[in-house]
Amino acid sequence: MTEIDPKTFLTAIFNAAVAAADPQRTIRDRLPAMPKGRTIVIGAGKGSAQMAAAFEKVWDGPIEGLVVTRYGYGATCQRIEIIEAAHPVPDAAGLEASRRLLEKVQGLTADDLVVALI
C-alpha cells in the first residue's frame, strides 16, 4: 500500500469542499422547472448576492428580484437588485430592503415561482 502525502490529501479535500460550495455549480444542479408565470428571486444573507449573480448566469428565462446582503458582500447583477445593509443590528437600509422584499412577493399567482436565496 502506498502512503499518501498528508498535504496533498488535505489540499484535495479542501479543493473538493470549495468546489461543492460554488454557488453557480450548486444552483445549476438544483434549478426548478421554468414557471408559466414570473420568476421572482429574493434573498438575504452574506452569500445571497453571490448566489443571485450565479442564478442570473444559469437561469434561461426572465427574472426579477431583490436580495439584501451585508455591507461589503455585494455582487454585480443585471436583473436582480442587490441592497447592502447592516448586520447583525439592522439599519435604515435593512428596514427599507425588508419592506421592498415584501413588495416583490405581492400579487403572486400559482403560476409564479419564488426563489429564496438565504
PDB file of N, CA and C in Angstrom:
ATOM      1  N   MET A   1       0.848  -1.170   0.000  1.00  0.00           N
ATOM      2  CA  MET A   1       0.000   0.000   0.000  1.00  0.00           C
ATOM      3  C   MET A   1       0.902   1.244   0.000  1.00  0.00           C
ATOM      4  N   THR A   2       0.546   2.216  -0.835  1.00  0.00           N
ATOM      5  CA  THR A   2       1.342   3.438  -0.905  1.00  0.00           C
ATOM      6  C   THR A   2       0.818   4.453   0.098  1.00  0.00           C
ATOM      7  N   GLU A   3       1.737   5.178   0.653  1.00  0.00           N
ATOM      8  CA  GLU A   3       1.370   6.199   1.631  1.00  0.00           C
ATOM      9  C   GLU A   3       1.038   7.496   0.902  1.00  0.00           C
ATOM     10  N   ILE A   4      -0.059   8.137   1.316  1.00  0.00           N
ATOM     11  CA  ILE A   4      -0.490   9.395   0.714  1.00  0.00           C
ATOM     12  C   ILE A   4       0.119  10.544   1.502  1.00  0.00           C
ATOM     13  N   ASP A   5       0.660  11.496   0.772  1.00  0.00           N
ATOM     14  CA  ASP A   5       1.222  12.692   1.385  1.00  0.00           C
ATOM     15  C   ASP A   5       0.092  13.470   2.068  1.00  0.00           C
ATOM     16  N   PRO A   6       0.212  13.757   3.371  1.00  0.00           N
ATOM     17  CA  PRO A   6      -0.862  14.462   4.083  1.00  0.00           C
ATOM     18  C   PRO A   6      -1.217  15.812   3.467  1.00  0.00           C
ATOM     19  N   LYS A   7      -0.225  16.563   3.026  1.00  0.00           N
ATOM     20  CA  LYS A   7      -0.516  17.877   2.437  1.00  0.00           C
ATOM     21  C   LYS A   7      -1.337  17.720   1.163  1.00  0.00           C
ATOM     22  N   THR A   8      -0.978  16.774   0.318  1.00  0.00           N
ATOM     23  CA  THR A   8      -1.720  16.515  -0.926  1.00  0.00           C
ATOM     24  C   THR A   8      -3.149  16.092  -0.605  1.00  0.00           C
ATOM     25  N   PHE A   9      -3.290  15.199   0.368  1.00  0.00           N
ATOM     26  CA  PHE A   9      -4.604  14.713   0.766  1.00  0.00           C
ATOM     27  C   PHE A   9      -5.485  15.844   1.288  1.00  0.00           C
ATOM     28  N   LEU A  10      -4.955  16.647   2.206  1.00  0.00           N
ATOM     29  CA  LEU A  10      -5.732  17.743   2.786  1.00  0.00           C
ATOM     30  C   LEU A  10      -6.062  18.813   1.754  1.00  0.00           C
ATOM     31  N   THR A  11      -5.134  19.084   0.844  1.00  0.00           N
ATOM     32  CA  THR A  11      -5.398  20.051  -0.226  1.00  0.00           C
ATOM     33  C   THR A  11      -6.521  19.552  -1.127  1.00  0.00           C
ATOM     34  N   ALA A  12      -6.540  18.275  -1.435  1.00  0.00           N
ATOM     35  CA  ALA A  12      -7.598  17.694  -2.271  1.00  0.00           C
ATOM     36  C   ALA A  12      -8.959  17.799  -1.581  1.00  0.00           C
ATOM     37  N   ILE A  13      -8.987  17.526  -0.287  1.00  0.00           N
ATOM     38  CA  ILE A  13     -10.242  17.645   0.466  1.00  0.00           C
ATOM     39  C   ILE A  13     -10.723  19.094   0.469  1.00  0.00           C
ATOM     40  N   PHE A  14      -9.820  20.028   0.712  1.00  0.00           N
ATOM     41  CA  PHE A  14     -10.170  21.447   0.716  1.00  0.00           C
ATOM     42  C   PHE A  14     -10.726  21.869  -0.639  1.00  0.00           C
ATOM     43  N   ASN A  15     -10.043  21.507  -1.712  1.00  0.00           N
ATOM     44  CA  ASN A  15     -10.484  21.877  -3.065  1.00  0.00           C
ATOM     45  C   ASN A  15     -11.847  21.286  -3.393  1.00  0.00           C
ATOM     46  N   ALA A  16     -12.111  20.062  -2.954  1.00  0.00           N
ATOM     47  CA  ALA A  16     -13.418  19.441  -3.185  1.00  0.00           C
ATOM     48  C   ALA A  16     -14.519  20.185  -2.427  1.00  0.00           C
ATOM     49  N   ALA A  17     -14.221  20.609  -1.207  1.00  0.00           N
ATOM     50  CA  ALA A  17     -15.213  21.343  -0.419  1.00  0.00           C
ATOM     51  C   ALA A  17     -15.529  22.701  -1.041  1.00  0.00           C
ATOM     52  N   VAL A  18     -14.504  23.402  -1.495  1.00  0.00           N
ATOM     53  CA  VAL A  18     -14.709  24.702  -2.134  1.00  0.00           C
ATOM     54  C   VAL A  18     -15.530  24.541  -3.415  1.00  0.00           C
ATOM     55  N   ALA A  19     -15.218  23.545  -4.219  1.00  0.00           N
ATOM     56  CA  ALA A  19     -15.966  23.302  -5.462  1.00  0.00           C
ATOM     57  C   ALA A  19     -17.421  22.959  -5.160  1.00  0.00           C
ATOM     58  N   ALA A  20     -17.668  22.184  -4.118  1.00  0.00           N
ATOM     59  CA  ALA A  20     -19.037  21.803  -3.763  1.00  0.00           C
ATOM     60  C   ALA A  20     -19.858  22.990  -3.289  1.00  0.00           C
ATOM     61  N   ALA A  21     -19.202  24.023  -2.766  1.00  0.00           N
ATOM     62  CA  ALA A  21     -19.903  25.207  -2.271  1.00  0.00           C
ATOM     63  C   ALA A  21     -20.005  26.325  -3.297  1.00  0.00           C
ATOM     64  N   ASP A  22     -19.495  26.122  -4.505  1.00  0.00           N
ATOM     65  CA  ASP A  22     -19.546  27.138  -5.552  1.00  0.00           C
ATOM     66  C   ASP A  22     -21.009  27.420  -5.902  1.00  0.00           C
ATOM     67  N   PRO A  23     -21.507  28.658  -5.689  1.00  0.00           N
ATOM     68  CA  PRO A  23     -22.921  28.944  -5.929  1.00  0.00           C
ATOM     69  C   PRO A  23     -23.377  28.619  -7.350  1.00  0.00           C
ATOM     70  N   GLN A  24     -22.575  28.930  -8.349  1.00  0.00           N
ATOM     71  CA  GLN A  24     -23.018  28.684  -9.722  1.00  0.00           C
ATOM     72  C   GLN A  24     -23.219  27.192  -9.968  1.00  0.00           C
ATOM     73  N   ARG A  25     -22.309  26.379  -9.501  1.00  0.00           N
ATOM     74  CA  ARG A  25     -22.431  24.925  -9.672  1.00  0.00           C
ATOM     75  C   ARG A  25     -23.601  24.384  -8.858  1.00  0.00           C
ATOM     76  N   THR A  26     -23.703  24.806  -7.616  1.00  0.00           N
ATOM     77  CA  THR A  26     -24.756  24.323  -6.735  1.00  0.00           C
ATOM     78  C   THR A  26     -26.129  24.704  -7.264  1.00  0.00           C
ATOM     79  N   ILE A  27     -26.296  25.940  -7.685  1.00  0.00           N
ATOM     80  CA  ILE A  27     -27.589  26.396  -8.193  1.00  0.00           C
ATOM     81  C   ILE A  27     -27.928  25.693  -9.501  1.00  0.00           C
ATOM     82  N   ARG A  28     -26.985  25.576 -10.396  1.00  0.00           N
ATOM     83  CA  ARG A  28     -27.231  24.935 -11.693  1.00  0.00           C
ATOM     84  C   ARG A  28     -27.767  23.516 -11.504  1.00  0.00           C
ATOM     85  N   ASP A  29     -27.227  22.806 -10.539  1.00  0.00           N
ATOM     86  CA  ASP A  29     -27.622  21.422 -10.291  1.00  0.00           C
ATOM     87  C   ASP A  29     -28.994  21.294  -9.648  1.00  0.00           C
ATOM     88  N   ARG A  30     -29.571  22.389  -9.189  1.00  0.00           N
ATOM     89  CA  ARG A  30     -30.843  22.325  -8.457  1.00  0.00           C
ATOM     90  C   ARG A  30     -31.904  23.282  -9.000  1.00  0.00           C
ATOM     91  N   LEU A  31     -31.819  23.620 -10.255  1.00  0.00           N
ATOM     92  CA  LEU A  31     -32.788  24.549 -10.830  1.00  0.00           C
ATOM     93  C   LEU A  31     -34.184  23.932 -10.886  1.00  0.00           C
ATOM     94  N   PRO A  32     -35.194  24.701 -10.482  1.00  0.00           N
ATOM     95  CA  PRO A  32     -36.573  24.219 -10.616  1.00  0.00           C
ATOM     96  C   PRO A  32     -37.029  24.345 -12.069  1.00  0.00           C
ATOM     97  N   ALA A  33     -38.178  23.769 -12.351  1.00  0.00           N
ATOM     98  CA  ALA A  33     -38.759  23.888 -13.696  1.00  0.00           C
ATOM     99  C   ALA A  33     -39.143  25.345 -13.955  1.00  0.00           C
ATOM    100  N   MET A  34     -39.085  25.738 -15.211  1.00  0.00           N
ATOM    101  CA  MET A  34     -39.472  27.086 -15.620  1.00  0.00           C
ATOM    102  C   MET A  34     -40.977  27.260 -15.363  1.00  0.00           C
ATOM    103  N   PRO A  35     -41.382  28.339 -14.694  1.00  0.00           N
ATOM    104  CA  PRO A  35     -42.807  28.525 -14.402  1.00  0.00           C
ATOM    105  C   PRO A  35     -43.554  29.077 -15.615  1.00  0.00           C
ATOM    106  N   LYS A  36     -44.874  28.984 -15.553  1.00  0.00           N
ATOM    107  CA  LYS A  36     -45.714  29.605 -16.574  1.00  0.00           C
ATOM    108  C   LYS A  36     -45.730  31.121 -16.392  1.00  0.00           C
ATOM    109  N   GLY A  37     -45.606  31.550 -15.150  1.00  0.00           N
ATOM    110  CA  GLY A  37     -45.659  32.967 -14.825  1.00  0.00           C
ATOM    111  C   GLY A  37     -44.283  33.566 -14.600  1.00  0.00           C
ATOM    112  N   ARG A  38     -44.217  34.459 -13.648  1.00  0.00           N
ATOM    113  CA  ARG A  38     -42.983  35.193 -13.357  1.00  0.00           C
ATOM    114  C   ARG A  38     -42.039  34.378 -12.472  1.00  0.00           C
ATOM    115  N   THR A  39     -40.750  34.719 -12.541  1.00  0.00           N
ATOM    116  CA  THR A  39     -39.763  34.192 -11.611  1.00  0.00           C
ATOM    117  C   THR A  39     -39.242  35.365 -10.798  1.00  0.00           C
ATOM    118  N   ILE A  40     -39.459  35.287  -9.489  1.00  0.00           N
ATOM    119  CA  ILE A  40     -39.045  36.333  -8.569  1.00  0.00           C
ATOM    120  C   ILE A  40     -37.952  35.749  -7.673  1.00  0.00           C
ATOM    121  N   VAL A  41     -36.819  36.427  -7.599  1.00  0.00           N
ATOM    122  CA  VAL A  41     -35.721  35.993  -6.738  1.00  0.00           C
ATOM    123  C   VAL A  41     -35.624  36.958  -5.569  1.00  0.00           C
ATOM    124  N   ILE A  42     -35.672  36.407  -4.367  1.00  0.00           N
ATOM    125  CA  ILE A  42     -35.478  37.210  -3.167  1.00  0.00           C
ATOM    126  C   ILE A  42     -34.373  36.539  -2.350  1.00  0.00           C
ATOM    127  N   GLY A  43     -33.752  37.294  -1.464  1.00  0.00           N
ATOM    128  CA  GLY A  43     -32.721  36.667  -0.647  1.00  0.00           C
ATOM    129  C   GLY A  43     -32.200  37.580   0.423  1.00  0.00           C
ATOM    130  N   ALA A  44     -31.501  36.949   1.377  1.00  0.00           N
ATOM    131  CA  ALA A  44     -30.884  37.691   2.474  1.00  0.00           C
ATOM    132  C   ALA A  44     -29.702  36.890   2.993  1.00  0.00           C
ATOM    133  N   GLY A  45     -28.677  37.607   3.422  1.00  0.00           N
ATOM    134  CA  GLY A  45     -27.511  36.960   3.999  1.00  0.00           C
ATOM    135  C   GLY A  45     -26.239  37.320   3.264  1.00  0.00           C
ATOM    136  N   LYS A  46     -25.105  36.999   3.899  1.00  0.00           N
ATOM    137  CA  LYS A  46     -23.805  37.367   3.318  1.00  0.00           C
ATOM    138  C   LYS A  46     -23.566  36.722   1.961  1.00  0.00           C
ATOM    139  N   GLY A  47     -24.018  35.510   1.738  1.00  0.00           N
ATOM    140  CA  GLY A  47     -23.778  34.828   0.466  1.00  0.00           C
ATOM    141  C   GLY A  47     -24.858  35.038  -0.569  1.00  0.00           C
ATOM    142  N   SER A  48     -25.932  35.739  -0.213  1.00  0.00           N
ATOM    143  CA  SER A  48     -27.080  35.842  -1.114  1.00  0.00           C
ATOM    144  C   SER A  48     -26.788  36.615  -2.399  1.00  0.00           C
ATOM    145  N   ALA A  49     -25.942  37.622  -2.351  1.00  0.00           N
ATOM    146  CA  ALA A  49     -25.631  38.393  -3.559  1.00  0.00           C
ATOM    147  C   ALA A  49     -24.844  37.542  -4.550  1.00  0.00           C
ATOM    148  N   GLN A  50     -23.888  36.753  -4.058  1.00  0.00           N
ATOM    149  CA  GLN A  50     -23.132  35.869  -4.947  1.00  0.00           C
ATOM    150  C   GLN A  50     -24.042  34.781  -5.522  1.00  0.00           C
ATOM    151  N   MET A  51     -24.985  34.289  -4.711  1.00  0.00           N
ATOM    152  CA  MET A  51     -25.943  33.305  -5.220  1.00  0.00           C
ATOM    153  C   MET A  51     -26.841  33.931  -6.279  1.00  0.00           C
ATOM    154  N   ALA A  52     -27.244  35.189  -6.082  1.00  0.00           N
ATOM    155  CA  ALA A  52     -28.080  35.877  -7.066  1.00  0.00           C
ATOM    156  C   ALA A  52     -27.334  36.032  -8.385  1.00  0.00           C
ATOM    157  N   ALA A  53     -26.066  36.409  -8.320  1.00  0.00           N
ATOM    158  CA  ALA A  53     -25.263  36.539  -9.544  1.00  0.00           C
ATOM    159  C   ALA A  53     -25.134  35.195 -10.245  1.00  0.00           C
ATOM    160  N   ALA A  54     -24.937  34.135  -9.488  1.00  0.00           N
ATOM    161  CA  ALA A  54     -24.844  32.797 -10.073  1.00  0.00           C
ATOM    162  C   ALA A  54     -26.174  32.381 -10.685  1.00  0.00           C
ATOM    163  N   PHE A  55     -27.277  32.689 -10.015  1.00  0.00           N
ATOM    164  CA  PHE A  55     -28.604  32.351 -10.536  1.00  0.00           C
ATOM    165  C   PHE A  55     -28.847  33.046 -11.868  1.00  0.00           C
ATOM    166  N   GLU A  56     -28.488  34.324 -11.942  1.00  0.00           N
ATOM    167  CA  GLU A  56     -28.652  35.062 -13.210  1.00  0.00           C
ATOM    168  C   GLU A  56     -27.904  34.383 -14.358  1.00  0.00           C
ATOM    169  N   LYS A  57     -26.725  33.860 -14.086  1.00  0.00           N
ATOM    170  CA  LYS A  57     -25.915  33.247 -15.142  1.00  0.00           C
ATOM    171  C   LYS A  57     -26.510  31.953 -15.678  1.00  0.00           C
ATOM    172  N   VAL A  58     -27.212  31.219 -14.828  1.00  0.00           N
ATOM    173  CA  VAL A  58     -27.691  29.897 -15.256  1.00  0.00           C
ATOM    174  C   VAL A  58     -29.182  29.849 -15.587  1.00  0.00           C
ATOM    175  N   TRP A  59     -29.941  30.867 -15.240  1.00  0.00           N
ATOM    176  CA  TRP A  59     -31.383  30.872 -15.497  1.00  0.00           C
ATOM    177  C   TRP A  59     -31.649  31.411 -16.896  1.00  0.00           C
ATOM    178  N   ASP A  60     -32.333  30.625 -17.714  1.00  0.00           N
ATOM    179  CA  ASP A  60     -32.574  30.997 -19.108  1.00  0.00           C
ATOM    180  C   ASP A  60     -33.752  31.949 -19.302  1.00  0.00           C
ATOM    181  N   GLY A  61     -34.654  31.990 -18.366  1.00  0.00           N
ATOM    182  CA  GLY A  61     -35.849  32.801 -18.542  1.00  0.00           C
ATOM    183  C   GLY A  61     -35.745  34.162 -17.900  1.00  0.00           C
ATOM    184  N   PRO A  62     -36.805  34.947 -18.045  1.00  0.00           N
ATOM    185  CA  PRO A  62     -36.823  36.270 -17.416  1.00  0.00           C
ATOM    186  C   PRO A  62     -36.909  36.131 -15.898  1.00  0.00           C
ATOM    187  N   ILE A  63     -36.238  37.035 -15.203  1.00  0.00           N
ATOM    188  CA  ILE A  63     -36.284  37.068 -13.741  1.00  0.00           C
ATOM    189  C   ILE A  63     -36.272  38.514 -13.266  1.00  0.00           C
ATOM    190  N   GLU A  64     -36.746  38.689 -12.068  1.00  0.00           N
ATOM    191  CA  GLU A  64     -36.636  39.958 -11.367  1.00  0.00           C
ATOM    192  C   GLU A  64     -36.456  39.624  -9.903  1.00  0.00           C
ATOM    193  N   GLY A  65     -35.959  40.556  -9.138  1.00  0.00           N
ATOM    194  CA  GLY A  65     -35.825  40.256  -7.730  1.00  0.00           C
ATOM    195  C   GLY A  65     -35.019  41.266  -6.966  1.00  0.00           C
ATOM    196  N   LEU A  66     -34.861  40.952  -5.682  1.00  0.00           N
ATOM    197  CA  LEU A  66     -34.149  41.816  -4.763  1.00  0.00           C
ATOM    198  C   LEU A  66     -33.522  40.947  -3.678  1.00  0.00           C
ATOM    199  N   VAL A  67     -32.266  41.228  -3.404  1.00  0.00           N
ATOM    200  CA  VAL A  67     -31.520  40.496  -2.385  1.00  0.00           C
ATOM    201  C   VAL A  67     -30.855  41.517  -1.468  1.00  0.00           C
ATOM    202  N   VAL A  68     -30.903  41.254  -0.170  1.00  0.00           N
ATOM    203  CA  VAL A  68     -30.232  42.136   0.792  1.00  0.00           C
ATOM    204  C   VAL A  68     -29.075  41.371   1.427  1.00  0.00           C
ATOM    205  N   THR A  69     -27.924  42.016   1.437  1.00  0.00           N
ATOM    206  CA  THR A  69     -26.725  41.403   1.978  1.00  0.00           C
ATOM    207  C   THR A  69     -26.005  42.389   2.884  1.00  0.00           C
ATOM    208  N   ARG A  70     -25.038  41.921   3.580  1.00  0.00           N
ATOM    209  CA  ARG A  70     -24.259  42.763   4.494  1.00  0.00           C
ATOM    210  C   ARG A  70     -23.361  43.711   3.694  1.00  0.00           C
ATOM    211  N   TYR A  71     -23.096  44.890   4.254  1.00  0.00           N
ATOM    212  CA  TYR A  71     -22.179  45.827   3.608  1.00  0.00           C
ATOM    213  C   TYR A  71     -20.873  45.118   3.268  1.00  0.00           C
ATOM    214  N   GLY A  72     -20.402  45.343   2.038  1.00  0.00           N
ATOM    215  CA  GLY A  72     -19.143  44.751   1.602  1.00  0.00           C
ATOM    216  C   GLY A  72     -19.274  43.382   0.971  1.00  0.00           C
ATOM    217  N   TYR A  73     -20.490  42.833   0.911  1.00  0.00           N
ATOM    218  CA  TYR A  73     -20.694  41.493   0.354  1.00  0.00           C
ATOM    219  C   TYR A  73     -21.532  41.519  -0.926  1.00  0.00           C
ATOM    220  N   GLY A  74     -21.695  42.678  -1.536  1.00  0.00           N
ATOM    221  CA  GLY A  74     -22.492  42.807  -2.751  1.00  0.00           C
ATOM    222  C   GLY A  74     -21.852  42.101  -3.941  1.00  0.00           C
ATOM    223  N   ALA A  75     -22.615  41.958  -4.984  1.00  0.00           N
ATOM    224  CA  ALA A  75     -22.149  41.359  -6.237  1.00  0.00           C
ATOM    225  C   ALA A  75     -22.849  42.092  -7.378  1.00  0.00           C
ATOM    226  N   THR A  76     -22.281  42.004  -8.555  1.00  0.00           N
ATOM    227  CA  THR A  76     -22.867  42.657  -9.720  1.00  0.00           C
ATOM    228  C   THR A  76     -23.928  41.765 -10.339  1.00  0.00           C
ATOM    229  N   CYS A  77     -25.122  42.298 -10.442  1.00  0.00           N
ATOM    230  CA  CYS A  77     -26.238  41.597 -11.073  1.00  0.00           C
ATOM    231  C   CYS A  77     -26.893  42.538 -12.074  1.00  0.00           C
ATOM    232  N   GLN A  78     -27.463  41.968 -13.111  1.00  0.00           N
ATOM    233  CA  GLN A  78     -28.138  42.771 -14.136  1.00  0.00           C
ATOM    234  C   GLN A  78     -29.645  42.849 -13.904  1.00  0.00           C
ATOM    235  N   ARG A  79     -30.243  41.751 -13.409  1.00  0.00           N
ATOM    236  CA  ARG A  79     -31.707  41.688 -13.300  1.00  0.00           C
ATOM    237  C   ARG A  79     -32.213  41.566 -11.870  1.00  0.00           C
ATOM    238  N   ILE A  80     -31.329  41.286 -10.944  1.00  0.00           N
ATOM    239  CA  ILE A  80     -31.693  41.180  -9.530  1.00  0.00           C
ATOM    240  C   ILE A  80     -31.011  42.333  -8.798  1.00  0.00           C
ATOM    241  N   GLU A  81     -31.799  43.129  -8.108  1.00  0.00           N
ATOM    242  CA  GLU A  81     -31.250  44.269  -7.377  1.00  0.00           C
ATOM    243  C   GLU A  81     -30.583  43.789  -6.089  1.00  0.00           C
ATOM    244  N   ILE A  82     -29.409  44.313  -5.819  1.00  0.00           N
ATOM    245  CA  ILE A  82     -28.676  43.988  -4.601  1.00  0.00           C
ATOM    246  C   ILE A  82     -28.666  45.219  -3.694  1.00  0.00           C
ATOM    247  N   ILE A  83     -29.088  45.041  -2.450  1.00  0.00           N
ATOM    248  CA  ILE A  83     -29.053  46.115  -1.461  1.00  0.00           C
ATOM    249  C   ILE A  83     -28.144  45.658  -0.325  1.00  0.00           C
ATOM    250  N   GLU A  84     -27.211  46.523   0.058  1.00  0.00           N
ATOM    251  CA  GLU A  84     -26.346  46.237   1.192  1.00  0.00           C
ATOM    252  C   GLU A  84     -26.898  46.961   2.410  1.00  0.00           C
ATOM    253  N   ALA A  85     -26.841  46.270   3.563  1.00  0.00           N
ATOM    254  CA  ALA A  85     -27.363  46.834   4.808  1.00  0.00           C
ATOM    255  C   ALA A  85     -26.543  46.311   5.983  1.00  0.00           C
ATOM    256  N   ALA A  86     -26.801  46.882   7.156  1.00  0.00           N
ATOM    257  CA  ALA A  86     -26.063  46.491   8.355  1.00  0.00           C
ATOM    258  C   ALA A  86     -26.520  45.125   8.866  1.00  0.00           C
ATOM    259  N   HIS A  87     -25.592  44.442   9.542  1.00  0.00           N
ATOM    260  CA  HIS A  87     -25.877  43.159  10.174  1.00  0.00           C
ATOM    261  C   HIS A  87     -24.846  42.942  11.264  1.00  0.00           C
ATOM    262  N   PRO A  88     -25.190  42.528  12.422  1.00  0.00           N
ATOM    263  CA  PRO A  88     -26.469  41.958  12.845  1.00  0.00           C
ATOM    264  C   PRO A  88     -27.487  42.988  13.342  1.00  0.00           C
ATOM    265  N   VAL A  89     -27.055  44.209  13.602  1.00  0.00           N
ATOM    266  CA  VAL A  89     -28.000  45.238  14.047  1.00  0.00           C
ATOM    267  C   VAL A  89     -28.550  45.940  12.813  1.00  0.00           C
ATOM    268  N   PRO A  90     -29.875  45.858  12.579  1.00  0.00           N
ATOM    269  CA  PRO A  90     -30.468  46.461  11.377  1.00  0.00           C
ATOM    270  C   PRO A  90     -30.284  47.974  11.341  1.00  0.00           C
ATOM    271  N   ASP A  91     -30.214  48.508  10.121  1.00  0.00           N
ATOM    272  CA  ASP A  91     -30.175  49.955   9.928  1.00  0.00           C
ATOM    273  C   ASP A  91     -31.311  50.341   8.993  1.00  0.00           C
ATOM    274  N   ALA A  92     -31.353  51.617   8.613  1.00  0.00           N
ATOM    275  CA  ALA A  92     -32.434  52.109   7.752  1.00  0.00           C
ATOM    276  C   ALA A  92     -32.429  51.395   6.400  1.00  0.00           C
ATOM    277  N   ALA A  93     -31.251  51.082   5.864  1.00  0.00           N
ATOM    278  CA  ALA A  93     -31.179  50.376   4.575  1.00  0.00           C
ATOM    279  C   ALA A  93     -31.783  48.985   4.689  1.00  0.00           C
ATOM    280  N   GLY A  94     -31.542  48.305   5.795  1.00  0.00           N
ATOM    281  CA  GLY A  94     -32.118  46.976   6.008  1.00  0.00           C
ATOM    282  C   GLY A  94     -33.625  47.017   6.166  1.00  0.00           C
ATOM    283  N   LEU A  95     -34.118  48.025   6.872  1.00  0.00           N
ATOM    284  CA  LEU A  95     -35.564  48.191   7.030  1.00  0.00           C
ATOM    285  C   LEU A  95     -36.227  48.435   5.682  1.00  0.00           C
ATOM    286  N   GLU A  96     -35.645  49.319   4.888  1.00  0.00           N
ATOM    287  CA  GLU A  96     -36.183  49.598   3.552  1.00  0.00           C
ATOM    288  C   GLU A  96     -36.110  48.351   2.671  1.00  0.00           C
ATOM    289  N   ALA A  97     -35.024  47.621   2.753  1.00  0.00           N
ATOM    290  CA  ALA A  97     -34.877  46.399   1.951  1.00  0.00           C
ATOM    291  C   ALA A  97     -35.948  45.373   2.314  1.00  0.00           C
ATOM    292  N   SER A  98     -36.235  45.219   3.602  1.00  0.00           N
ATOM    293  CA  SER A  98     -37.256  44.247   4.003  1.00  0.00           C
ATOM    294  C   SER A  98     -38.636  44.663   3.509  1.00  0.00           C
ATOM    295  N   ARG A  99     -38.914  45.959   3.539  1.00  0.00           N
ATOM    296  CA  ARG A  99     -40.193  46.449   3.002  1.00  0.00           C
ATOM    297  C   ARG A  99     -40.304  46.136   1.518  1.00  0.00           C
ATOM    298  N   ARG A 100     -39.216  46.364   0.788  1.00  0.00           N
ATOM    299  CA  ARG A 100     -39.222  46.129  -0.659  1.00  0.00           C
ATOM    300  C   ARG A 100     -39.254  44.647  -1.000  1.00  0.00           C
ATOM    301  N   LEU A 101     -38.641  43.802  -0.161  1.00  0.00           N
ATOM    302  CA  LEU A 101     -38.731  42.347  -0.365  1.00  0.00           C
ATOM    303  C   LEU A 101     -40.182  41.888  -0.288  1.00  0.00           C
ATOM    304  N   LEU A 102     -40.886  42.406   0.698  1.00  0.00           N
ATOM    305  CA  LEU A 102     -42.302  42.047   0.825  1.00  0.00           C
ATOM    306  C   LEU A 102     -43.108  42.518  -0.383  1.00  0.00           C
ATOM    307  N   GLU A 103     -42.794  43.691  -0.909  1.00  0.00           N
ATOM    308  CA  GLU A 103     -43.474  44.179  -2.114  1.00  0.00           C
ATOM    309  C   GLU A 103     -43.258  43.250  -3.300  1.00  0.00           C
ATOM    310  N   LYS A 104     -42.035  42.714  -3.420  1.00  0.00           N
ATOM    311  CA  LYS A 104     -41.698  41.850  -4.563  1.00  0.00           C
ATOM    312  C   LYS A 104     -42.578  40.607  -4.622  1.00  0.00           C
ATOM    313  N   VAL A 105     -43.036  40.128  -3.465  1.00  0.00           N
ATOM    314  CA  VAL A 105     -43.814  38.887  -3.462  1.00  0.00           C
ATOM    315  C   VAL A 105     -45.319  39.129  -3.355  1.00  0.00           C
ATOM    316  N   GLN A 106     -45.744  40.361  -3.533  1.00  0.00           N
ATOM    317  CA  GLN A 106     -47.171  40.671  -3.539  1.00  0.00           C
ATOM    318  C   GLN A 106     -47.773  40.315  -4.898  1.00  0.00           C
ATOM    319  N   GLY A 107     -49.000  39.867  -4.896  1.00  0.00           N
ATOM    320  CA  GLY A 107     -49.730  39.618  -6.139  1.00  0.00           C
ATOM    321  C   GLY A 107     -49.274  38.390  -6.903  1.00  0.00           C
ATOM    322  N   LEU A 108     -48.625  37.456  -6.255  1.00  0.00           N
ATOM    323  CA  LEU A 108     -48.179  36.238  -6.938  1.00  0.00           C
ATOM    324  C   LEU A 108     -49.366  35.319  -7.208  1.00  0.00           C
ATOM    325  N   THR A 109     -49.199  34.493  -8.210  1.00  0.00           N
ATOM    326  CA  THR A 109     -50.226  33.501  -8.538  1.00  0.00           C
ATOM    327  C   THR A 109     -49.589  32.112  -8.474  1.00  0.00           C
ATOM    328  N   ALA A 110     -50.401  31.094  -8.654  1.00  0.00           N
ATOM    329  CA  ALA A 110     -49.914  29.712  -8.643  1.00  0.00           C
ATOM    330  C   ALA A 110     -48.956  29.456  -9.806  1.00  0.00           C
ATOM    331  N   ASP A 111     -48.992  30.302 -10.825  1.00  0.00           N
ATOM    332  CA  ASP A 111     -48.099  30.138 -11.990  1.00  0.00           C
ATOM    333  C   ASP A 111     -46.729  30.762 -11.780  1.00  0.00           C
ATOM    334  N   ASP A 112     -46.542  31.521 -10.710  1.00  0.00           N
ATOM    335  CA  ASP A 112     -45.276  32.208 -10.453  1.00  0.00           C
ATOM    336  C   ASP A 112     -44.345  31.331  -9.616  1.00  0.00           C
ATOM    337  N   LEU A 113     -43.058  31.618  -9.732  1.00  0.00           N
ATOM    338  CA  LEU A 113     -42.025  30.914  -8.964  1.00  0.00           C
ATOM    339  C   LEU A 113     -41.254  31.926  -8.142  1.00  0.00           C
ATOM    340  N   VAL A 114     -41.108  31.660  -6.843  1.00  0.00           N
ATOM    341  CA  VAL A 114     -40.271  32.474  -5.971  1.00  0.00           C
ATOM    342  C   VAL A 114     -39.058  31.633  -5.570  1.00  0.00           C
ATOM    343  N   VAL A 115     -37.896  32.164  -5.832  1.00  0.00           N
ATOM    344  CA  VAL A 115     -36.638  31.509  -5.448  1.00  0.00           C
ATOM    345  C   VAL A 115     -36.066  32.315  -4.292  1.00  0.00           C
ATOM    346  N   ALA A 116     -35.875  31.673  -3.147  1.00  0.00           N
ATOM    347  CA  ALA A 116     -35.325  32.342  -1.958  1.00  0.00           C
ATOM    348  C   ALA A 116     -33.888  31.911  -1.778  1.00  0.00           C
ATOM    349  N   LEU A 117     -32.978  32.871  -1.802  1.00  0.00           N
ATOM    350  CA  LEU A 117     -31.544  32.622  -1.641  1.00  0.00           C
ATOM    351  C   LEU A 117     -31.149  33.107  -0.247  1.00  0.00           C
ATOM    352  N   ILE A 118     -30.867  32.170   0.643  1.00  0.00           N
ATOM    353  CA  ILE A 118     -30.586  32.535   2.033  1.00  0.00           C
ATOM    354  C   ILE A 118     -29.290  31.854   2.466  1.00  0.00           C
TER     355      ILE A 118
END
